[in-house]
């Protein structure tokens, strides 16, 4: 491939560990709800995993939006 020609470009950045943690929490919660016969404490634990993962994702998104908005103002 000659210089200046479009190519595949640089490789994508690695997946952030926070994303992997949230994904694992959601998957663990869904597995508990869908596969295991969930009753009592385990039922609330499964929903806790899912809600914490989604809430932390919402908080992270809010932080990114706020930082981007501040950066545009400068």
Protein backbone atom coordinates (compact mmCIF):
# COMPACT_ATOMS: atom_id res chain seq x y z
CA UNK A 1 0.00 0.00 0.00
CA UNK A 2 1.47 3.35 -1.04
CA UNK A 3 1.57 6.42 1.17
CA UNK A 4 -1.51 8.59 1.10
CA UNK A 5 -3.86 5.79 0.16
CA UNK A 6 -6.71 5.08 2.52
CA UNK A 7 -6.04 2.04 4.61
CA UNK A 8 -7.50 0.19 7.53
CA UNK A 9 -6.27 2.86 9.94
CA UNK A 10 -5.09 2.40 13.50
CA UNK A 11 -6.54 -0.40 15.60
CA UNK A 12 -9.46 0.51 17.88
CA UNK A 13 -8.66 1.31 21.51
CA UNK A 14 -9.08 -1.48 24.05
CA UNK A 15 -12.38 -1.85 25.87
CA UNK A 16 -12.38 0.08 29.18
CA UNK A 17 -12.42 -2.08 32.31
CA UNK A 18 -15.47 -0.18 33.60
CA UNK A 19 -17.48 -1.35 30.61
CA UNK A 20 -16.42 -4.95 31.18
CA UNK A 21 -17.40 -4.72 34.86
CA UNK A 22 -20.84 -3.31 34.03
CA UNK A 23 -21.38 -5.96 31.38
CA UNK A 24 -20.43 -8.70 33.84
CA UNK A 25 -22.88 -7.31 36.43
CA UNK A 26 -25.74 -7.22 33.93
CA UNK A 27 -24.97 -10.72 32.66
CA UNK A 28 -24.70 -12.09 36.22
CA UNK A 29 -28.02 -10.48 37.13
CA UNK A 30 -29.76 -11.81 34.03
CA UNK A 31 -28.35 -15.30 34.53
CA UNK A 32 -29.61 -15.29 38.10
CA UNK A 33 -33.04 -14.15 36.96
CA UNK A 34 -33.36 -16.39 33.92
CA UNK A 35 -31.53 -19.61 34.76
CA UNK A 36 -31.61 -20.03 38.52
CA UNK A 37 -34.85 -20.37 40.41
CA UNK A 38 -34.59 -17.01 42.10
CA UNK A 39 -36.31 -16.45 45.43
CA UNK A 40 -35.76 -14.03 48.31
CA UNK A 41 -32.29 -12.59 48.71
CA UNK A 42 -30.95 -13.89 45.40
CA UNK A 43 -33.83 -12.21 43.54
CA UNK A 44 -32.94 -8.83 45.06
CA UNK A 45 -29.23 -9.46 44.50
CA UNK A 46 -29.84 -10.10 40.80
CA UNK A 47 -31.81 -6.89 40.41
CA UNK A 48 -29.19 -5.02 42.46
CA UNK A 49 -26.50 -6.11 39.97
CA UNK A 50 -28.56 -4.92 37.02
CA UNK A 51 -29.60 -1.60 38.58
CA UNK A 52 -26.07 -0.76 39.79
CA UNK A 53 -24.64 -1.46 36.33
CA UNK A 54 -27.24 0.69 34.59
CA UNK A 55 -27.02 3.51 37.15
CA UNK A 56 -23.23 3.63 36.92
CA UNK A 57 -23.47 3.71 33.13
CA UNK A 58 -25.91 6.62 33.35
CA UNK A 59 -23.60 8.47 35.75
CA UNK A 60 -20.59 7.89 33.49
CA UNK A 61 -22.54 9.14 30.48
CA UNK A 62 -23.57 12.27 32.39
CA UNK A 63 -19.94 12.95 33.35
CA UNK A 64 -18.78 12.58 29.72
CA UNK A 65 -21.55 14.87 28.45
CA UNK A 66 -20.72 17.49 31.11
CA UNK A 67 -17.00 17.42 30.29
CA UNK A 68 -17.69 17.65 26.56
CA UNK A 69 -20.02 20.59 27.07
CA UNK A 70 -17.41 22.41 29.18
CA UNK A 71 -14.71 21.72 26.59
CA UNK A 72 -16.88 23.22 23.81
CA UNK A 73 -17.40 26.42 25.82
CA UNK A 74 -13.66 27.06 26.10
